[in-house]
PDB file of N, CA and C in Angstrom:
ATOM      1  N   MET A   1       0.854  -1.210   0.000  1.00  0.00           N
ATOM      2  CA  MET A   1       0.000   0.000   0.000  1.00  0.00           C
ATOM      3  C   MET A   1       0.881   1.250   0.000  1.00  0.00           C
ATOM      4  N   PRO A   2       0.599   2.192  -0.867  1.00  0.00           N
ATOM      5  CA  PRO A   2       1.399   3.427  -0.891  1.00  0.00           C
ATOM      6  C   PRO A   2       1.191   4.234   0.384  1.00  0.00           C
ATOM      7  N   MET A   3       2.206   4.983   0.765  1.00  0.00           N
ATOM      8  CA  MET A   3       2.109   5.751   2.007  1.00  0.00           C
ATOM      9  C   MET A   3       1.113   6.903   1.868  1.00  0.00           C
ATOM     10  N   GLU A   4       0.769   7.272   0.651  1.00  0.00           N
ATOM     11  CA  GLU A   4      -0.153   8.386   0.439  1.00  0.00           C
ATOM     12  C   GLU A   4      -1.608   7.962   0.633  1.00  0.00           C
ATOM     13  N   ALA A   5      -1.850   6.673   0.634  1.00  0.00           N
ATOM     14  CA  ALA A   5      -3.228   6.190   0.734  1.00  0.00           C
ATOM     15  C   ALA A   5      -3.927   6.703   1.997  1.00  0.00           C
ATOM     16  N   PRO A   6      -3.325   6.551   3.178  1.00  0.00           N
ATOM     17  CA  PRO A   6      -3.999   7.005   4.401  1.00  0.00           C
ATOM     18  C   PRO A   6      -4.366   8.486   4.352  1.00  0.00           C
ATOM     19  N   SER A   7      -3.438   9.328   3.949  1.00  0.00           N
ATOM     20  CA  SER A   7      -3.720  10.768   3.931  1.00  0.00           C
ATOM     21  C   SER A   7      -4.795  11.068   2.899  1.00  0.00           C
ATOM     22  N   ALA A   8      -4.769  10.379   1.775  1.00  0.00           N
ATOM     23  CA  ALA A   8      -5.794  10.609   0.750  1.00  0.00           C
ATOM     24  C   ALA A   8      -7.161  10.216   1.299  1.00  0.00           C
ATOM     25  N   THR A   9      -7.202   9.080   1.994  1.00  0.00           N
ATOM     26  CA  THR A   9      -8.478   8.652   2.583  1.00  0.00           C
ATOM     27  C   THR A   9      -8.932   9.667   3.613  1.00  0.00           C
ATOM     28  N   ARG A  10      -7.970  10.194   4.366  1.00  0.00           N
ATOM     29  CA  ARG A  10      -8.316  11.176   5.401  1.00  0.00           C
ATOM     30  C   ARG A  10      -8.905  12.428   4.753  1.00  0.00           C
ATOM     31  N   ASN A  11      -8.276  12.888   3.670  1.00  0.00           N
ATOM     32  CA  ASN A  11      -8.775  14.086   2.985  1.00  0.00           C
ATOM     33  C   ASN A  11     -10.193  13.845   2.471  1.00  0.00           C
ATOM     34  N   THR A  12     -10.411  12.676   1.892  1.00  0.00           N
ATOM     35  CA  THR A  12     -11.748  12.368   1.371  1.00  0.00           C
ATOM     36  C   THR A  12     -12.756  12.361   2.507  1.00  0.00           C
ATOM     37  N   ARG A  13     -12.346  11.790   3.648  1.00  0.00           N
ATOM     38  CA  ARG A  13     -13.252  11.736   4.804  1.00  0.00           C
ATOM     39  C   ARG A  13     -13.567  13.149   5.274  1.00  0.00           C
ATOM     40  N   ASP A  14     -12.524  13.980   5.406  1.00  0.00           N
ATOM     41  CA  ASP A  14     -12.740  15.361   5.858  1.00  0.00           C
ATOM     42  C   ASP A  14     -13.669  16.090   4.905  1.00  0.00           C
ATOM     43  N   ARG A  15     -13.470  15.887   3.619  1.00  0.00           N
ATOM     44  CA  ARG A  15     -14.321  16.563   2.631  1.00  0.00           C
ATOM     45  C   ARG A  15     -15.758  16.091   2.767  1.00  0.00           C
ATOM     46  N   ALA A  16     -15.936  14.794   2.942  1.00  0.00           N
ATOM     47  CA  ALA A  16     -17.293  14.254   3.083  1.00  0.00           C
ATOM     48  C   ALA A  16     -17.956  14.826   4.331  1.00  0.00           C
ATOM     49  N   LEU A  17     -17.196  14.894   5.432  1.00  0.00           N
ATOM     50  CA  LEU A  17     -17.759  15.442   6.666  1.00  0.00           C
ATOM     51  C   LEU A  17     -18.108  16.911   6.475  1.00  0.00           C
ATOM     52  N   GLN A  18     -17.241  17.644   5.797  1.00  0.00           N
ATOM     53  CA  GLN A  18     -17.502  19.065   5.559  1.00  0.00           C
ATOM     54  C   GLN A  18     -18.766  19.228   4.711  1.00  0.00           C
ATOM     55  N   LEU A  19     -18.885  18.386   3.682  1.00  0.00           N
ATOM     56  CA  LEU A  19     -20.054  18.458   2.810  1.00  0.00           C
ATOM     57  C   LEU A  19     -21.314  18.152   3.608  1.00  0.00           C
ATOM     58  N   ALA A  20     -21.261  17.121   4.416  1.00  0.00           N
ATOM     59  CA  ALA A  20     -22.428  16.750   5.229  1.00  0.00           C
ATOM     60  C   ALA A  20     -22.795  17.895   6.168  1.00  0.00           C
ATOM     61  N   ALA A  21     -21.791  18.522   6.773  1.00  0.00           N
ATOM     62  CA  ALA A  21     -22.050  19.635   7.687  1.00  0.00           C
ATOM     63  C   ALA A  21     -22.699  20.783   6.933  1.00  0.00           C
ATOM     64  N   SER A  22     -22.192  21.072   5.740  1.00  0.00           N
ATOM     65  CA  SER A  22     -22.749  22.174   4.950  1.00  0.00           C
ATOM     66  C   SER A  22     -24.202  21.870   4.597  1.00  0.00           C
ATOM     67  N   LEU A  23     -24.467  20.630   4.195  1.00  0.00           N
ATOM     68  CA  LEU A  23     -25.835  20.274   3.828  1.00  0.00           C
ATOM     69  C   LEU A  23     -26.743  20.375   5.047  1.00  0.00           C
ATOM     70  N   SER A  24     -26.275  19.933   6.200  1.00  0.00           N
ATOM     71  CA  SER A  24     -27.073  20.012   7.426  1.00  0.00           C
ATOM     72  C   SER A  24     -27.385  21.465   7.740  1.00  0.00           C
ATOM     73  N   THR A  25     -26.380  22.322   7.630  1.00  0.00           N
ATOM     74  CA  THR A  25     -26.586  23.746   7.922  1.00  0.00           C
ATOM     75  C   THR A  25     -27.615  24.327   6.973  1.00  0.00           C
ATOM     76  N   MET A  26     -27.507  23.988   5.691  1.00  0.00           N
ATOM     77  CA  MET A  26     -28.458  24.510   4.703  1.00  0.00           C
ATOM     78  C   MET A  26     -29.865  24.026   5.032  1.00  0.00           C
ATOM     79  N   ARG A  27     -29.976  22.774   5.446  1.00  0.00           N
ATOM     80  CA  ARG A  27     -31.298  22.226   5.774  1.00  0.00           C
ATOM     81  C   ARG A  27     -31.890  22.978   6.968  1.00  0.00           C
ATOM     82  N   ILE A  28     -31.068  23.228   7.982  1.00  0.00           N
ATOM     83  CA  ILE A  28     -31.556  23.917   9.182  1.00  0.00           C
ATOM     84  C   ILE A  28     -31.992  25.341   8.828  1.00  0.00           C
ATOM     85  N   GLU A  29     -31.226  25.991   7.949  1.00  0.00           N
ATOM     86  CA  GLU A  29     -31.541  27.382   7.594  1.00  0.00           C
ATOM     87  C   GLU A  29     -32.852  27.481   6.816  1.00  0.00           C
ATOM     88  N   GLU A  30     -33.158  26.460   6.017  1.00  0.00           N
ATOM     89  CA  GLU A  30     -34.349  26.538   5.173  1.00  0.00           C
ATOM     90  C   GLU A  30     -35.625  26.591   6.006  1.00  0.00           C
TER      91      GLU A  30
END
C-alpha cells in the first residue's frame, strides 16, 4: 500500500464530513 493512501483517505473523509455539515446547515436554515 502506498504511504499516500492514508492521507488521501483522510482528505476524502474530511471533505465528506464538511459536505455533510454544509448540507445540514443549509437544511436547518431553510
